[in-house]
Amino acid sequence: MNVKKVATLVGVALLLFYVITQPTQAAGMFQGILTWLRDGAEAIITFLKNLFA
């Protein structure tokens, strides 16, 4: 079996285990990641607006 495929399956299994055993913490972590991504996107948009304004 391909090492990359095995690593992906192990990662997915660990993620599912975390979500199933600690759903509240997993939701909080997911919200934190989404907030971080949104803030980053807003910063890039602000930069581009200021660059071309």
N, C-alpha and C. Protein backbone atom coordinates (compact mmCIF):
# COMPACT_ATOMS: atom_id res chain seq x y z
N MET A 1 0.84 -1.18 0.00
CA MET A 1 0.00 0.00 0.00
C MET A 1 0.89 1.25 0.00
N ASN A 2 0.43 2.27 -0.63
CA ASN A 2 1.17 3.51 -0.75
C ASN A 2 1.26 4.21 0.62
N VAL A 3 2.44 4.72 0.97
CA VAL A 3 2.65 5.38 2.26
C VAL A 3 1.78 6.62 2.38
N LYS A 4 1.64 7.37 1.30
CA LYS A 4 0.81 8.58 1.32
C LYS A 4 -0.65 8.22 1.62
N LYS A 5 -1.12 7.14 1.02
CA LYS A 5 -2.50 6.71 1.23
C LYS A 5 -2.72 6.27 2.68
N VAL A 6 -1.76 5.55 3.23
CA VAL A 6 -1.86 5.09 4.61
C VAL A 6 -1.84 6.29 5.56
N ALA A 7 -0.96 7.25 5.32
CA ALA A 7 -0.89 8.43 6.17
C ALA A 7 -2.19 9.22 6.12
N THR A 8 -2.80 9.33 4.95
CA THR A 8 -4.07 10.02 4.80
C THR A 8 -5.16 9.30 5.58
N LEU A 9 -5.21 8.00 5.48
CA LEU A 9 -6.23 7.22 6.20
C LEU A 9 -6.04 7.33 7.71
N VAL A 10 -4.80 7.31 8.16
CA VAL A 10 -4.53 7.45 9.60
C VAL A 10 -4.95 8.85 10.06
N GLY A 11 -4.65 9.88 9.27
CA GLY A 11 -5.05 11.24 9.61
C GLY A 11 -6.56 11.39 9.71
N VAL A 12 -7.27 10.82 8.76
CA VAL A 12 -8.73 10.88 8.77
C VAL A 12 -9.28 10.12 9.98
N ALA A 13 -8.70 8.98 10.28
CA ALA A 13 -9.15 8.19 11.43
C ALA A 13 -8.93 8.96 12.74
N LEU A 14 -7.79 9.62 12.87
CA LEU A 14 -7.52 10.41 14.08
C LEU A 14 -8.47 11.60 14.19
N LEU A 15 -8.74 12.24 13.06
CA LEU A 15 -9.68 13.36 13.05
C LEU A 15 -11.08 12.90 13.47
N LEU A 16 -11.53 11.79 12.92
CA LEU A 16 -12.85 11.26 13.29
C LEU A 16 -12.89 10.87 14.76
N PHE A 17 -11.83 10.26 15.26
CA PHE A 17 -11.76 9.88 16.66
C PHE A 17 -11.89 11.12 17.55
N TYR A 18 -11.17 12.19 17.18
CA TYR A 18 -11.22 13.44 17.95
C TYR A 18 -12.62 14.04 17.93
N VAL A 19 -13.25 14.06 16.76
CA VAL A 19 -14.60 14.64 16.64
C VAL A 19 -15.61 13.82 17.43
N ILE A 20 -15.47 12.51 17.41
CA ILE A 20 -16.43 11.64 18.11
C ILE A 20 -16.23 11.70 19.62
N THR A 21 -14.98 11.71 20.08
CA THR A 21 -14.73 11.66 21.52
C THR A 21 -14.82 13.02 22.19
N GLN A 22 -14.53 14.11 21.46
CA GLN A 22 -14.55 15.45 22.05
C GLN A 22 -15.21 16.44 21.07
N PRO A 23 -16.51 16.31 20.86
CA PRO A 23 -17.17 17.14 19.85
C PRO A 23 -17.14 18.64 20.17
N THR A 24 -17.24 19.01 21.43
CA THR A 24 -17.25 20.43 21.78
C THR A 24 -15.91 21.08 21.47
N GLN A 25 -14.82 20.41 21.86
CA GLN A 25 -13.48 20.94 21.58
C GLN A 25 -13.21 20.96 20.09
N ALA A 26 -13.67 19.94 19.37
CA ALA A 26 -13.46 19.88 17.92
C ALA A 26 -14.21 21.03 17.23
N ALA A 27 -15.41 21.31 17.68
CA ALA A 27 -16.17 22.43 17.10
C ALA A 27 -15.48 23.75 17.38
N GLY A 28 -14.96 23.91 18.58
CA GLY A 28 -14.24 25.14 18.92
C GLY A 28 -12.99 25.30 18.08
N MET A 29 -12.28 24.21 17.86
CA MET A 29 -11.08 24.26 17.03
C MET A 29 -11.44 24.61 15.59
N PHE A 30 -12.50 24.02 15.08
CA PHE A 30 -12.94 24.29 13.72
C PHE A 30 -13.36 25.75 13.56
N GLN A 31 -14.08 26.28 14.55
CA GLN A 31 -14.48 27.69 14.50
C GLN A 31 -13.25 28.59 14.54
N GLY A 32 -12.25 28.21 15.33
CA GLY A 32 -11.01 28.98 15.38
C GLY A 32 -10.30 29.00 14.04
N ILE A 33 -10.26 27.87 13.37
CA ILE A 33 -9.62 27.79 12.05
C ILE A 33 -10.38 28.65 11.05
N LEU A 34 -11.71 28.57 11.07
CA LEU A 34 -12.51 29.39 10.15
C LEU A 34 -12.33 30.88 10.42
N THR A 35 -12.25 31.25 11.70
CA THR A 35 -12.02 32.65 12.04
C THR A 35 -10.67 33.11 11.52
N TRP A 36 -9.65 32.28 11.69
CA TRP A 36 -8.31 32.60 11.22
C TRP A 36 -8.29 32.78 9.70
N LEU A 37 -8.97 31.89 8.99
CA LEU A 37 -9.04 31.99 7.53
C LEU A 37 -9.79 33.24 7.09
N ARG A 38 -10.90 33.54 7.76
CA ARG A 38 -11.68 34.74 7.42
C ARG A 38 -10.86 36.00 7.67
N ASP A 39 -10.17 36.07 8.80
CA ASP A 39 -9.34 37.23 9.10
C ASP A 39 -8.23 37.39 8.07
N GLY A 40 -7.64 36.28 7.66
CA GLY A 40 -6.60 36.34 6.64
C GLY A 40 -7.13 36.83 5.31
N ALA A 41 -8.30 36.36 4.93
CA ALA A 41 -8.90 36.80 3.66
C ALA A 41 -9.25 38.28 3.72
N GLU A 42 -9.77 38.74 4.85
CA GLU A 42 -10.10 40.15 4.99
C GLU A 42 -8.84 41.01 4.93
N ALA A 43 -7.76 40.54 5.51
CA ALA A 43 -6.50 41.28 5.47
C ALA A 43 -5.98 41.39 4.04
N ILE A 44 -6.08 40.32 3.28
CA ILE A 44 -5.63 40.34 1.88
C ILE A 44 -6.49 41.29 1.07
N ILE A 45 -7.79 41.25 1.28
CA ILE A 45 -8.70 42.16 0.57
C ILE A 45 -8.39 43.61 0.91
N THR A 46 -8.17 43.89 2.19
CA THR A 46 -7.83 45.26 2.60
C THR A 46 -6.52 45.70 1.95
N PHE A 47 -5.54 44.82 1.94
CA PHE A 47 -4.26 45.14 1.31
C PHE A 47 -4.44 45.47 -0.17
N LEU A 48 -5.18 44.64 -0.88
CA LEU A 48 -5.39 44.87 -2.31
C LEU A 48 -6.18 46.15 -2.58
N LYS A 49 -7.17 46.43 -1.75
CA LYS A 49 -7.94 47.67 -1.91
C LYS A 49 -7.02 48.88 -1.73
N ASN A 50 -6.16 48.84 -0.71
CA ASN A 50 -5.25 49.95 -0.46
C ASN A 50 -4.16 50.05 -1.52
N LEU A 51 -3.78 48.94 -2.07
CA LEU A 51 -2.74 48.92 -3.09
C LEU A 51 -3.23 49.56 -4.38
N PHE A 52 -4.47 49.30 -4.77
CA PHE A 52 -5.00 49.80 -6.04
C PHE A 52 -5.89 51.03 -5.88
N ALA A 53 -5.98 51.57 -4.69
CA ALA A 53 -6.84 52.75 -4.48
C ALA A 53 -6.10 54.04 -4.79
